[in-house]
Amino acid sequence: MGVRDECVLSPGRMVQFSREIDMTSHAIRHIETAALSRRAAFLQTLAQRLRTAAGNLDTWLETRRRANATRLVLNALTDRELRDIGLTRSDIEAIATGNPSRMRVNPTS
């Protein structure tokens, strides 16, 4: 790549200076390739992060769907049926969310 200044005599006898920058086609292709490579890397990273986010969202939605289905089934039971399986109404949320540490301990009689 080189820079060349030229003095050009115009038809009106005015002197004009022009500046030319010579770039080989290889240098142009190298710059374009580097820019394209950076864009491709960015898009690949973006696609990977979107796949991860979509997978996480899918997992979260499935967990919520299962919790809601569990709540519906357990809330449909009577107090006696819940007692028969060792639960109370206050245990339903803990069972639905899969957090048994929130369940209160009931001594069976």
PDB file of N, CA and C in Angstrom:
ATOM      1  N   MET A   1       0.863  -1.157   0.000  1.00  0.00           N
ATOM      2  CA  MET A   1       0.000   0.000   0.000  1.00  0.00           C
ATOM      3  C   MET A   1       0.908   1.217   0.000  1.00  0.00           C
ATOM      4  N   GLY A   2       0.643   2.136  -0.931  1.00  0.00           N
ATOM      5  CA  GLY A   2       1.477   3.321  -1.014  1.00  0.00           C
ATOM      6  C   GLY A   2       0.640   4.560  -1.198  1.00  0.00           C
ATOM      7  N   VAL A   3       1.188   5.705  -0.810  1.00  0.00           N
ATOM      8  CA  VAL A   3       0.502   6.982  -0.966  1.00  0.00           C
ATOM      9  C   VAL A   3       1.318   7.789  -1.960  1.00  0.00           C
ATOM     10  N   ARG A   4       0.621   8.388  -2.927  1.00  0.00           N
ATOM     11  CA  ARG A   4       1.311   9.143  -3.962  1.00  0.00           C
ATOM     12  C   ARG A   4       0.618  10.484  -4.141  1.00  0.00           C
ATOM     13  N   ASP A   5       1.372  11.564  -4.038  1.00  0.00           N
ATOM     14  CA  ASP A   5       0.849  12.907  -4.305  1.00  0.00           C
ATOM     15  C   ASP A   5       1.228  13.282  -5.727  1.00  0.00           C
ATOM     16  N   GLU A   6       0.272  13.826  -6.474  1.00  0.00           N
ATOM     17  CA  GLU A   6       0.541  14.239  -7.851  1.00  0.00           C
ATOM     18  C   GLU A   6       0.128  15.677  -8.038  1.00  0.00           C
ATOM     19  N   CYS A   7       0.863  16.337  -8.875  1.00  0.00           N
ATOM     20  CA  CYS A   7       0.514  17.697  -9.263  1.00  0.00           C
ATOM     21  C   CYS A   7      -0.077  17.601 -10.657  1.00  0.00           C
ATOM     22  N   VAL A   8      -1.307  18.029 -10.833  1.00  0.00           N
ATOM     23  CA  VAL A   8      -2.005  17.912 -12.110  1.00  0.00           C
ATOM     24  C   VAL A   8      -2.288  19.310 -12.635  1.00  0.00           C
ATOM     25  N   LEU A   9      -1.957  19.529 -13.900  1.00  0.00           N
ATOM     26  CA  LEU A   9      -2.229  20.809 -14.545  1.00  0.00           C
ATOM     27  C   LEU A   9      -3.588  20.698 -15.218  1.00  0.00           C
ATOM     28  N   SER A  10      -4.559  21.495 -14.776  1.00  0.00           N
ATOM     29  CA  SER A  10      -5.904  21.412 -15.327  1.00  0.00           C
ATOM     30  C   SER A  10      -5.988  22.249 -16.597  1.00  0.00           C
ATOM     31  N   PRO A  11      -7.102  22.074 -17.377  1.00  0.00           N
ATOM     32  CA  PRO A  11      -7.224  22.830 -18.623  1.00  0.00           C
ATOM     33  C   PRO A  11      -7.152  24.350 -18.421  1.00  0.00           C
ATOM     34  N   GLY A  12      -7.568  24.865 -17.308  1.00  0.00           N
ATOM     35  CA  GLY A  12      -7.504  26.303 -17.047  1.00  0.00           C
ATOM     36  C   GLY A  12      -6.165  26.722 -16.473  1.00  0.00           C
ATOM     37  N   ARG A  13      -5.200  25.877 -16.599  1.00  0.00           N
ATOM     38  CA  ARG A  13      -3.844  26.111 -16.125  1.00  0.00           C
ATOM     39  C   ARG A  13      -3.753  26.293 -14.607  1.00  0.00           C
ATOM     40  N   MET A  14      -4.723  25.746 -13.889  1.00  0.00           N
ATOM     41  CA  MET A  14      -4.645  25.791 -12.428  1.00  0.00           C
ATOM     42  C   MET A  14      -3.965  24.508 -11.963  1.00  0.00           C
ATOM     43  N   VAL A  15      -3.214  24.629 -10.957  1.00  0.00           N
ATOM     44  CA  VAL A  15      -2.518  23.473 -10.424  1.00  0.00           C
ATOM     45  C   VAL A  15      -3.401  22.830  -9.356  1.00  0.00           C
ATOM     46  N   GLN A  16      -3.626  21.543  -9.510  1.00  0.00           N
ATOM     47  CA  GLN A  16      -4.412  20.790  -8.539  1.00  0.00           C
ATOM     48  C   GLN A  16      -3.554  19.647  -8.015  1.00  0.00           C
ATOM     49  N   PHE A  17      -3.733  19.373  -6.773  1.00  0.00           N
ATOM     50  CA  PHE A  17      -3.033  18.250  -6.177  1.00  0.00           C
ATOM     51  C   PHE A  17      -4.050  17.141  -5.930  1.00  0.00           C
ATOM     52  N   SER A  18      -3.682  15.982  -6.288  1.00  0.00           N
ATOM     53  CA  SER A  18      -4.543  14.840  -5.992  1.00  0.00           C
ATOM     54  C   SER A  18      -3.733  13.834  -5.186  1.00  0.00           C
ATOM     55  N   ARG A  19      -4.412  13.147  -4.355  1.00  0.00           N
ATOM     56  CA  ARG A  19      -3.730  12.163  -3.509  1.00  0.00           C
ATOM     57  C   ARG A  19      -4.337  10.805  -3.815  1.00  0.00           C
ATOM     58  N   GLU A  20      -3.508   9.896  -4.182  1.00  0.00           N
ATOM     59  CA  GLU A  20      -3.956   8.538  -4.491  1.00  0.00           C
ATOM     60  C   GLU A  20      -3.427   7.581  -3.439  1.00  0.00           C
ATOM     61  N   ILE A  21      -4.253   6.666  -3.072  1.00  0.00           N
ATOM     62  CA  ILE A  21      -3.815   5.610  -2.163  1.00  0.00           C
ATOM     63  C   ILE A  21      -3.930   4.305  -2.922  1.00  0.00           C
ATOM     64  N   ASP A  22      -2.805   3.666  -3.129  1.00  0.00           N
ATOM     65  CA  ASP A  22      -2.785   2.396  -3.841  1.00  0.00           C
ATOM     66  C   ASP A  22      -2.957   1.265  -2.840  1.00  0.00           C
ATOM     67  N   MET A  23      -3.967   0.457  -3.060  1.00  0.00           N
ATOM     68  CA  MET A  23      -4.162  -0.732  -2.236  1.00  0.00           C
ATOM     69  C   MET A  23      -4.221  -1.918  -3.178  1.00  0.00           C
ATOM     70  N   THR A  24      -3.529  -2.924  -2.828  1.00  0.00           N
ATOM     71  CA  THR A  24      -3.607  -4.126  -3.639  1.00  0.00           C
ATOM     72  C   THR A  24      -4.934  -4.824  -3.356  1.00  0.00           C
ATOM     73  N   SER A  25      -5.359  -5.613  -4.287  1.00  0.00           N
ATOM     74  CA  SER A  25      -6.617  -6.338  -4.074  1.00  0.00           C
ATOM     75  C   SER A  25      -6.473  -7.322  -2.918  1.00  0.00           C
ATOM     76  N   HIS A  26      -5.254  -7.811  -2.682  1.00  0.00           N
ATOM     77  CA  HIS A  26      -5.026  -8.725  -1.552  1.00  0.00           C
ATOM     78  C   HIS A  26      -5.287  -8.012  -0.229  1.00  0.00           C
ATOM     79  N   ALA A  27      -4.804  -6.773  -0.090  1.00  0.00           N
ATOM     80  CA  ALA A  27      -5.007  -6.017   1.143  1.00  0.00           C
ATOM     81  C   ALA A  27      -6.485  -5.745   1.368  1.00  0.00           C
ATOM     82  N   ILE A  28      -7.210  -5.411   0.314  1.00  0.00           N
ATOM     83  CA  ILE A  28      -8.648  -5.160   0.430  1.00  0.00           C
ATOM     84  C   ILE A  28      -9.360  -6.433   0.867  1.00  0.00           C
ATOM     85  N   ARG A  29      -9.027  -7.540   0.232  1.00  0.00           N
ATOM     86  CA  ARG A  29      -9.667  -8.802   0.580  1.00  0.00           C
ATOM     87  C   ARG A  29      -9.352  -9.191   2.024  1.00  0.00           C
ATOM     88  N   HIS A  30      -8.141  -8.920   2.467  1.00  0.00           N
ATOM     89  CA  HIS A  30      -7.760  -9.259   3.837  1.00  0.00           C
ATOM     90  C   HIS A  30      -8.587  -8.452   4.845  1.00  0.00           C
ATOM     91  N   ILE A  31      -8.764  -7.164   4.601  1.00  0.00           N
ATOM     92  CA  ILE A  31      -9.568  -6.318   5.499  1.00  0.00           C
ATOM     93  C   ILE A  31     -11.020  -6.786   5.493  1.00  0.00           C
ATOM     94  N   GLU A  32     -11.569  -7.059   4.322  1.00  0.00           N
ATOM     95  CA  GLU A  32     -12.957  -7.525   4.231  1.00  0.00           C
ATOM     96  C   GLU A  32     -13.124  -8.885   4.902  1.00  0.00           C
ATOM     97  N   THR A  33     -12.141  -9.742   4.734  1.00  0.00           N
ATOM     98  CA  THR A  33     -12.208 -11.067   5.351  1.00  0.00           C
ATOM     99  C   THR A  33     -12.148 -10.961   6.871  1.00  0.00           C
ATOM    100  N   ALA A  34     -11.303 -10.096   7.370  1.00  0.00           N
ATOM    101  CA  ALA A  34     -11.199  -9.921   8.818  1.00  0.00           C
ATOM    102  C   ALA A  34     -12.500  -9.386   9.392  1.00  0.00           C
ATOM    103  N   ALA A  35     -13.107  -8.414   8.708  1.00  0.00           N
ATOM    104  CA  ALA A  35     -14.381  -7.858   9.181  1.00  0.00           C
ATOM    105  C   ALA A  35     -15.475  -8.918   9.132  1.00  0.00           C
ATOM    106  N   LEU A  36     -15.485  -9.682   8.058  1.00  0.00           N
ATOM    107  CA  LEU A  36     -16.488 -10.740   7.924  1.00  0.00           C
ATOM    108  C   LEU A  36     -16.285 -11.816   8.992  1.00  0.00           C
ATOM    109  N   SER A  37     -15.049 -12.123   9.280  1.00  0.00           N
ATOM    110  CA  SER A  37     -14.749 -13.119  10.306  1.00  0.00           C
ATOM    111  C   SER A  37     -15.212 -12.650  11.680  1.00  0.00           C
ATOM    112  N   ARG A  38     -15.009 -11.371  11.984  1.00  0.00           N
ATOM    113  CA  ARG A  38     -15.465 -10.830  13.272  1.00  0.00           C
ATOM    114  C   ARG A  38     -16.984 -10.877  13.362  1.00  0.00           C
ATOM    115  N   ARG A  39     -17.661 -10.541  12.274  1.00  0.00           N
ATOM    116  CA  ARG A  39     -19.138 -10.607  12.275  1.00  0.00           C
ATOM    117  C   ARG A  39     -19.625 -12.028  12.466  1.00  0.00           C
ATOM    118  N   ALA A  40     -18.965 -12.967  11.794  1.00  0.00           N
ATOM    119  CA  ALA A  40     -19.363 -14.375  11.912  1.00  0.00           C
ATOM    120  C   ALA A  40     -19.162 -14.871  13.342  1.00  0.00           C
ATOM    121  N   ALA A  41     -18.059 -14.491  13.966  1.00  0.00           N
ATOM    122  CA  ALA A  41     -17.806 -14.903  15.347  1.00  0.00           C
ATOM    123  C   ALA A  41     -18.851 -14.309  16.289  1.00  0.00           C
ATOM    124  N   PHE A  42     -19.203 -13.036  16.068  1.00  0.00           N
ATOM    125  CA  PHE A  42     -20.234 -12.388  16.884  1.00  0.00           C
ATOM    126  C   PHE A  42     -21.572 -13.095  16.719  1.00  0.00           C
ATOM    127  N   LEU A  43     -21.945 -13.388  15.482  1.00  0.00           N
ATOM    128  CA  LEU A  43     -23.234 -14.051  15.235  1.00  0.00           C
ATOM    129  C   LEU A  43     -23.253 -15.466  15.805  1.00  0.00           C
ATOM    130  N   GLN A  44     -22.126 -16.146  15.742  1.00  0.00           N
ATOM    131  CA  GLN A  44     -22.059 -17.493  16.312  1.00  0.00           C
ATOM    132  C   GLN A  44     -22.231 -17.446  17.832  1.00  0.00           C
ATOM    133  N   THR A  45     -21.574 -16.493  18.486  1.00  0.00           N
ATOM    134  CA  THR A  45     -21.717 -16.329  19.935  1.00  0.00           C
ATOM    135  C   THR A  45     -23.152 -15.967  20.296  1.00  0.00           C
ATOM    136  N   LEU A  46     -23.734 -15.061  19.519  1.00  0.00           N
ATOM    137  CA  LEU A  46     -25.117 -14.657  19.757  1.00  0.00           C
ATOM    138  C   LEU A  46     -26.071 -15.838  19.609  1.00  0.00           C
ATOM    139  N   ALA A  47     -25.885 -16.638  18.570  1.00  0.00           N
ATOM    140  CA  ALA A  47     -26.743 -17.808  18.353  1.00  0.00           C
ATOM    141  C   ALA A  47     -26.602 -18.808  19.494  1.00  0.00           C
ATOM    142  N   GLN A  48     -25.382 -19.009  19.969  1.00  0.00           N
ATOM    143  CA  GLN A  48     -25.162 -19.938  21.078  1.00  0.00           C
ATOM    144  C   GLN A  48     -25.854 -19.446  22.352  1.00  0.00           C
ATOM    145  N   ARG A  49     -25.765 -18.149  22.616  1.00  0.00           N
ATOM    146  CA  ARG A  49     -26.427 -17.599  23.807  1.00  0.00           C
ATOM    147  C   ARG A  49     -27.942 -17.660  23.684  1.00  0.00           C
ATOM    148  N   LEU A  50     -28.460 -17.456  22.484  1.00  0.00           N
ATOM    149  CA  LEU A  50     -29.913 -17.560  22.282  1.00  0.00           C
ATOM    150  C   LEU A  50     -30.385 -18.992  22.482  1.00  0.00           C
ATOM    151  N   ARG A  51     -29.595 -19.973  22.004  1.00  0.00           N
ATOM    152  CA  ARG A  51     -29.955 -21.380  22.217  1.00  0.00           C
ATOM    153  C   ARG A  51     -29.985 -21.706  23.706  1.00  0.00           C
ATOM    154  N   THR A  52     -28.990 -21.226  24.434  1.00  0.00           N
ATOM    155  CA  THR A  52     -28.936 -21.465  25.881  1.00  0.00           C
ATOM    156  C   THR A  52     -30.130 -20.823  26.576  1.00  0.00           C
ATOM    157  N   ALA A  53     -30.435 -19.572  26.209  1.00  0.00           N
ATOM    158  CA  ALA A  53     -31.571 -18.870  26.824  1.00  0.00           C
ATOM    159  C   ALA A  53     -32.882 -19.578  26.498  1.00  0.00           C
ATOM    160  N   ALA A  54     -33.032 -20.037  25.270  1.00  0.00           N
ATOM    161  CA  ALA A  54     -34.255 -20.746  24.884  1.00  0.00           C
ATOM    162  C   ALA A  54     -34.385 -22.059  25.655  1.00  0.00           C
ATOM    163  N   GLY A  55     -33.278 -22.754  25.841  1.00  0.00           N
ATOM    164  CA  GLY A  55     -33.299 -23.996  26.628  1.00  0.00           C
ATOM    165  C   GLY A  55     -33.674 -23.738  28.075  1.00  0.00           C
ATOM    166  N   ASN A  56     -33.107 -22.672  28.647  1.00  0.00           N
ATOM    167  CA  ASN A  56     -33.444 -22.319  30.028  1.00  0.00           C
ATOM    168  C   ASN A  56     -34.911 -21.934  30.161  1.00  0.00           C
ATOM    169  N   LEU A  57     -35.416 -21.185  29.196  1.00  0.00           N
ATOM    170  CA  LEU A  57     -36.822 -20.797  29.213  1.00  0.00           C
ATOM    171  C   LEU A  57     -37.717 -22.020  29.097  1.00  0.00           C
ATOM    172  N   ASP A  58     -37.346 -22.945  28.234  1.00  0.00           N
ATOM    173  CA  ASP A  58     -38.129 -24.170  28.065  1.00  0.00           C
ATOM    174  C   ASP A  58     -38.161 -24.980  29.366  1.00  0.00           C
ATOM    175  N   THR A  59     -37.030 -25.094  30.027  1.00  0.00           N
ATOM    176  CA  THR A  59     -36.965 -25.817  31.304  1.00  0.00           C
ATOM    177  C   THR A  59     -37.835 -25.134  32.356  1.00  0.00           C
ATOM    178  N   TRP A  60     -37.740 -23.820  32.436  1.00  0.00           N
ATOM    179  CA  TRP A  60     -38.524 -23.066  33.408  1.00  0.00           C
ATOM    180  C   TRP A  60     -40.023 -23.230  33.153  1.00  0.00           C
ATOM    181  N   LEU A  61     -40.428 -23.132  31.886  1.00  0.00           N
ATOM    182  CA  LEU A  61     -41.849 -23.285  31.553  1.00  0.00           C
ATOM    183  C   LEU A  61     -42.348 -24.687  31.875  1.00  0.00           C
ATOM    184  N   GLU A  62     -41.536 -25.711  31.601  1.00  0.00           N
ATOM    185  CA  GLU A  62     -41.938 -27.085  31.906  1.00  0.00           C
ATOM    186  C   GLU A  62     -42.075 -27.279  33.410  1.00  0.00           C
ATOM    187  N   THR A  63     -41.174 -26.694  34.188  1.00  0.00           N
ATOM    188  CA  THR A  63     -41.245 -26.784  35.650  1.00  0.00           C
ATOM    189  C   THR A  63     -42.522 -26.122  36.163  1.00  0.00           C
ATOM    190  N   ARG A  64     -42.838 -24.965  35.625  1.00  0.00           N
ATOM    191  CA  ARG A  64     -44.074 -24.274  36.036  1.00  0.00           C
ATOM    192  C   ARG A  64     -45.323 -25.061  35.639  1.00  0.00           C
ATOM    193  N   ARG A  65     -45.295 -25.658  34.449  1.00  0.00           N
ATOM    194  CA  ARG A  65     -46.448 -26.444  33.995  1.00  0.00           C
ATOM    195  C   ARG A  65     -46.679 -27.636  34.932  1.00  0.00           C
ATOM    196  N   ARG A  66     -45.610 -28.309  35.297  1.00  0.00           N
ATOM    197  CA  ARG A  66     -45.738 -29.460  36.205  1.00  0.00           C
ATOM    198  C   ARG A  66     -46.211 -29.026  37.593  1.00  0.00           C
ATOM    199  N   ALA A  67     -45.694 -27.917  38.082  1.00  0.00           N
ATOM    200  CA  ALA A  67     -46.109 -27.416  39.400  1.00  0.00           C
ATOM    201  C   ALA A  67     -47.589 -27.057  39.389  1.00  0.00           C
ATOM    202  N   ASN A  68     -48.039 -26.409  38.323  1.00  0.00           N
ATOM    203  CA  ASN A  68     -49.464 -26.047  38.233  1.00  0.00           C
ATOM    204  C   ASN A  68     -50.351 -27.284  38.156  1.00  0.00           C
ATOM    205  N   ALA A  69     -49.909 -28.292  37.410  1.00  0.00           N
ATOM    206  CA  ALA A  69     -50.691 -29.531  37.313  1.00  0.00           C
ATOM    207  C   ALA A  69     -50.774 -30.213  38.683  1.00  0.00           C
ATOM    208  N   THR A  70     -49.665 -30.210  39.426  1.00  0.00           N
ATOM    209  CA  THR A  70     -49.648 -30.810  40.768  1.00  0.00           C
ATOM    210  C   THR A  70     -50.585 -30.053  41.703  1.00  0.00           C
ATOM    211  N   ARG A  71     -50.524 -28.709  41.640  1.00  0.00           N
ATOM    212  CA  ARG A  71     -51.429 -27.899  42.474  1.00  0.00           C
ATOM    213  C   ARG A  71     -52.886 -28.224  42.169  1.00  0.00           C
ATOM    214  N   LEU A  72     -53.223 -28.311  40.888  1.00  0.00           N
ATOM    215  CA  LEU A  72     -54.618 -28.601  40.506  1.00  0.00           C
ATOM    216  C   LEU A  72     -55.081 -29.944  41.056  1.00  0.00           C
ATOM    217  N   VAL A  73     -54.249 -30.957  40.924  1.00  0.00           N
ATOM    218  CA  VAL A  73     -54.621 -32.296  41.390  1.00  0.00           C
ATOM    219  C   VAL A  73     -54.779 -32.308  42.910  1.00  0.00           C
ATOM    220  N   LEU A  74     -53.802 -31.738  43.621  1.00  0.00           N
ATOM    221  CA  LEU A  74     -53.866 -31.771  45.091  1.00  0.00           C
ATOM    222  C   LEU A  74     -54.978 -30.882  45.636  1.00  0.00           C
ATOM    223  N   ASN A  75     -55.237 -29.752  45.013  1.00  0.00           N
ATOM    224  CA  ASN A  75     -56.318 -28.888  45.474  1.00  0.00           C
ATOM    225  C   ASN A  75     -57.695 -29.504  45.215  1.00  0.00           C
ATOM    226  N   ALA A  76     -57.757 -30.422  44.265  1.00  0.00           N
ATOM    227  CA  ALA A  76     -59.032 -31.092  43.984  1.00  0.00           C
ATOM    228  C   ALA A  76     -59.369 -32.147  45.043  1.00  0.00           C
ATOM    229  N   LEU A  77     -58.377 -32.569  45.825  1.00  0.00           N
ATOM    230  CA  LEU A  77     -58.614 -33.578  46.863  1.00  0.00           C
ATOM    231  C   LEU A  77     -59.305 -32.941  48.073  1.00  0.00           C
ATOM    232  N   THR A  78     -60.055 -33.752  48.771  1.00  0.00           N
ATOM    233  CA  THR A  78     -60.684 -33.273  50.010  1.00  0.00           C
ATOM    234  C   THR A  78     -59.645 -33.289  51.127  1.00  0.00           C
ATOM    235  N   ASP A  79     -59.987 -32.645  52.249  1.00  0.00           N
ATOM    236  CA  ASP A  79     -59.074 -32.624  53.383  1.00  0.00           C
ATOM    237  C   ASP A  79     -58.806 -34.045  53.901  1.00  0.00           C
ATOM    238  N   ARG A  80     -59.844 -34.864  53.872  1.00  0.00           N
ATOM    239  CA  ARG A  80     -59.676 -36.248  54.332  1.00  0.00           C
ATOM    240  C   ARG A  80     -58.725 -37.010  53.412  1.00  0.00           C
ATOM    241  N   GLU A  81     -58.872 -36.850  52.086  1.00  0.00           N
ATOM    242  CA  GLU A  81     -57.978 -37.535  51.141  1.00  0.00           C
ATOM    243  C   GLU A  81     -56.530 -37.055  51.323  1.00  0.00           C
ATOM    244  N   LEU A  82     -56.354 -35.764  51.543  1.00  0.00           N
ATOM    245  CA  LEU A  82     -55.005 -35.240  51.798  1.00  0.00           C
ATOM    246  C   LEU A  82     -54.426 -35.838  53.081  1.00  0.00           C
ATOM    247  N   ARG A  83     -55.251 -35.898  54.108  1.00  0.00           N
ATOM    248  CA  ARG A  83     -54.813 -36.466  55.381  1.00  0.00           C
ATOM    249  C   ARG A  83     -54.440 -37.940  55.204  1.00  0.00           C
ATOM    250  N   ASP A  84     -55.193 -38.667  54.370  1.00  0.00           N
ATOM    251  CA  ASP A  84     -54.891 -40.081  54.123  1.00  0.00           C
ATOM    252  C   ASP A  84     -53.496 -40.280  53.511  1.00  0.00           C
ATOM    253  N   ILE A  85     -53.056 -39.329  52.714  1.00  0.00           N
ATOM    254  CA  ILE A  85     -51.717 -39.461  52.110  1.00  0.00           C
ATOM    255  C   ILE A  85     -50.662 -38.678  52.893  1.00  0.00           C
ATOM    256  N   GLY A  86     -51.051 -38.180  54.083  1.00  0.00           N
ATOM    257  CA  GLY A  86     -50.101 -37.539  54.978  1.00  0.00           C
ATOM    258  C   GLY A  86     -49.809 -36.085  54.661  1.00  0.00           C
ATOM    259  N   LEU A  87     -50.744 -35.400  54.002  1.00  0.00           N
ATOM    260  CA  LEU A  87     -50.550 -33.986  53.650  1.00  0.00           C
ATOM    261  C   LEU A  87     -51.657 -33.111  54.223  1.00  0.00           C
ATOM    262  N   THR A  88     -51.370 -31.837  54.281  1.00  0.00           N
ATOM    263  CA  THR A  88     -52.391 -30.838  54.608  1.00  0.00           C
ATOM    264  C   THR A  88     -52.405 -29.831  53.461  1.00  0.00           C
ATOM    265  N   ARG A  89     -53.386 -28.955  53.480  1.00  0.00           N
ATOM    266  CA  ARG A  89     -53.470 -27.939  52.419  1.00  0.00           C
ATOM    267  C   ARG A  89     -52.234 -27.043  52.397  1.00  0.00           C
ATOM    268  N   SER A  90     -51.646 -26.828  53.559  1.00  0.00           N
ATOM    269  CA  SER A  90     -50.459 -25.962  53.607  1.00  0.00           C
ATOM    270  C   SER A  90     -49.227 -26.631  52.980  1.00  0.00           C
ATOM    271  N   ASP A  91     -49.274 -27.945  52.773  1.00  0.00           N
ATOM    272  CA  ASP A  91     -48.153 -28.655  52.149  1.00  0.00           C
ATOM    273  C   ASP A  91     -48.197 -28.631  50.622  1.00  0.00           C
ATOM    274  N   ILE A  92     -49.322 -28.247  50.062  1.00  0.00           N
ATOM    275  CA  ILE A  92     -49.506 -28.336  48.607  1.00  0.00           C
ATOM    276  C   ILE A  92     -48.466 -27.510  47.849  1.00  0.00           C
ATOM    277  N   GLU A  93     -48.218 -26.303  48.278  1.00  0.00           N
ATOM    278  CA  GLU A  93     -47.247 -25.444  47.565  1.00  0.00           C
ATOM    279  C   GLU A  93     -45.842 -26.035  47.620  1.00  0.00           C
ATOM    280  N   ALA A  94     -45.453 -26.555  48.778  1.00  0.00           N
ATOM    281  CA  ALA A  94     -44.128 -27.158  48.915  1.00  0.00           C
ATOM    282  C   ALA A  94     -43.984 -28.384  48.019  1.00  0.00           C
ATOM    283  N   ILE A  95     -45.032 -29.183  47.933  1.00  0.00           N
ATOM    284  CA  ILE A  95     -45.007 -30.364  47.068  1.00  0.00           C
ATOM    285  C   ILE A  95     -44.944 -29.932  45.600  1.00  0.00           C
ATOM    286  N   ALA A  96     -45.738 -28.944  45.233  1.00  0.00           N
ATOM    287  CA  ALA A  96     -45.788 -28.494  43.826  1.00  0.00           C
ATOM    288  C   ALA A  96     -44.457 -27.920  43.367  1.00  0.00           C
ATOM    289  N   THR A  97     -43.784 -27.186  44.239  1.00  0.00           N
ATOM    290  CA  THR A  97     -42.518 -26.565  43.845  1.00  0.00           C
ATOM    291  C   THR A  97     -41.324 -27.476  44.082  1.00  0.00           C
ATOM    292  N   GLY A  98     -41.552 -28.647  44.672  1.00  0.00           N
ATOM    293  CA  GLY A  98     -40.466 -29.585  44.908  1.00  0.00           C
ATOM    294  C   GLY A  98     -39.548 -29.158  46.025  1.00  0.00           C
ATOM    295  N   ASN A  99     -40.099 -28.448  46.997  1.00  0.00           N
ATOM    296  CA  ASN A  99     -39.316 -27.963  48.124  1.00  0.00           C
ATOM    297  C   ASN A  99     -39.844 -28.585  49.413  1.00  0.00           C
ATOM    298  N   PRO A 100     -39.493 -29.829  49.689  1.00  0.00           N
ATOM    299  CA  PRO A 100     -40.051 -30.504  50.865  1.00  0.00           C
ATOM    300  C   PRO A 100     -39.591 -29.896  52.187  1.00  0.00           C
ATOM    301  N   SER A 101     -38.553 -29.097  52.182  1.00  0.00           N
ATOM    302  CA  SER A 101     -38.103 -28.481  53.438  1.00  0.00           C
ATOM    303  C   SER A 101     -39.132 -27.476  53.952  1.00  0.00           C
ATOM    304  N   ARG A 102     -40.023 -27.015  53.080  1.00  0.00           N
ATOM    305  CA  ARG A 102     -41.071 -26.080  53.493  1.00  0.00           C
ATOM    306  C   ARG A 102     -42.291 -26.790  54.068  1.00  0.00           C
ATOM    307  N   MET A 103     -42.312 -28.115  53.970  1.00  0.00           N
ATOM    308  CA  MET A 103     -43.455 -28.860  54.498  1.00  0.00           C
ATOM    309  C   MET A 103     -43.384 -28.903  56.020  1.00  0.00           C
ATOM    310  N   ARG A 104     -44.537 -28.804  56.632  1.00  0.00           N
ATOM    311  CA  ARG A 104     -44.537 -28.925  58.086  1.00  0.00           C
ATOM    312  C   ARG A 104     -44.707 -30.401  58.418  1.00  0.00           C
ATOM    313  N   VAL A 105     -44.113 -30.760  59.479  1.00  0.00           N
ATOM    314  CA  VAL A 105     -44.141 -32.168  59.894  1.00  0.00           C
ATOM    315  C   VAL A 105     -45.405 -32.422  60.688  1.00  0.00           C
ATOM    316  N   ASN A 106     -46.189 -33.412  60.244  1.00  0.00           N
ATOM    317  CA  ASN A 106     -47.440 -33.775  60.925  1.00  0.00           C
ATOM    318  C   ASN A 106     -47.254 -35.131  61.591  1.00  0.00           C
ATOM    319  N   PRO A 107     -47.396 -35.168  62.863  1.00  0.00           N
ATOM    320  CA  PRO A 107     -47.370 -36.498  63.499  1.00  0.00           C
ATOM    321  C   PRO A 107     -48.634 -37.254  63.131  1.00  0.00           C
ATOM    322  N   THR A 108     -48.489 -38.445  62.669  1.00  0.00           N
ATOM    323  CA  THR A 108     -49.671 -39.259  62.303  1.00  0.00           C
ATOM    324  C   THR A 108     -50.270 -39.866  63.551  1.00  0.00           C
ATOM    325  N   SER A 109     -51.592 -39.815  63.568  1.00  0.00           N
ATOM    326  CA  SER A 109     -52.268 -40.361  64.743  1.00  0.00           C
ATOM    327  C   SER A 109     -53.016 -41.602  64.398  1.00  0.00           C
TER     328      SER A 109
END
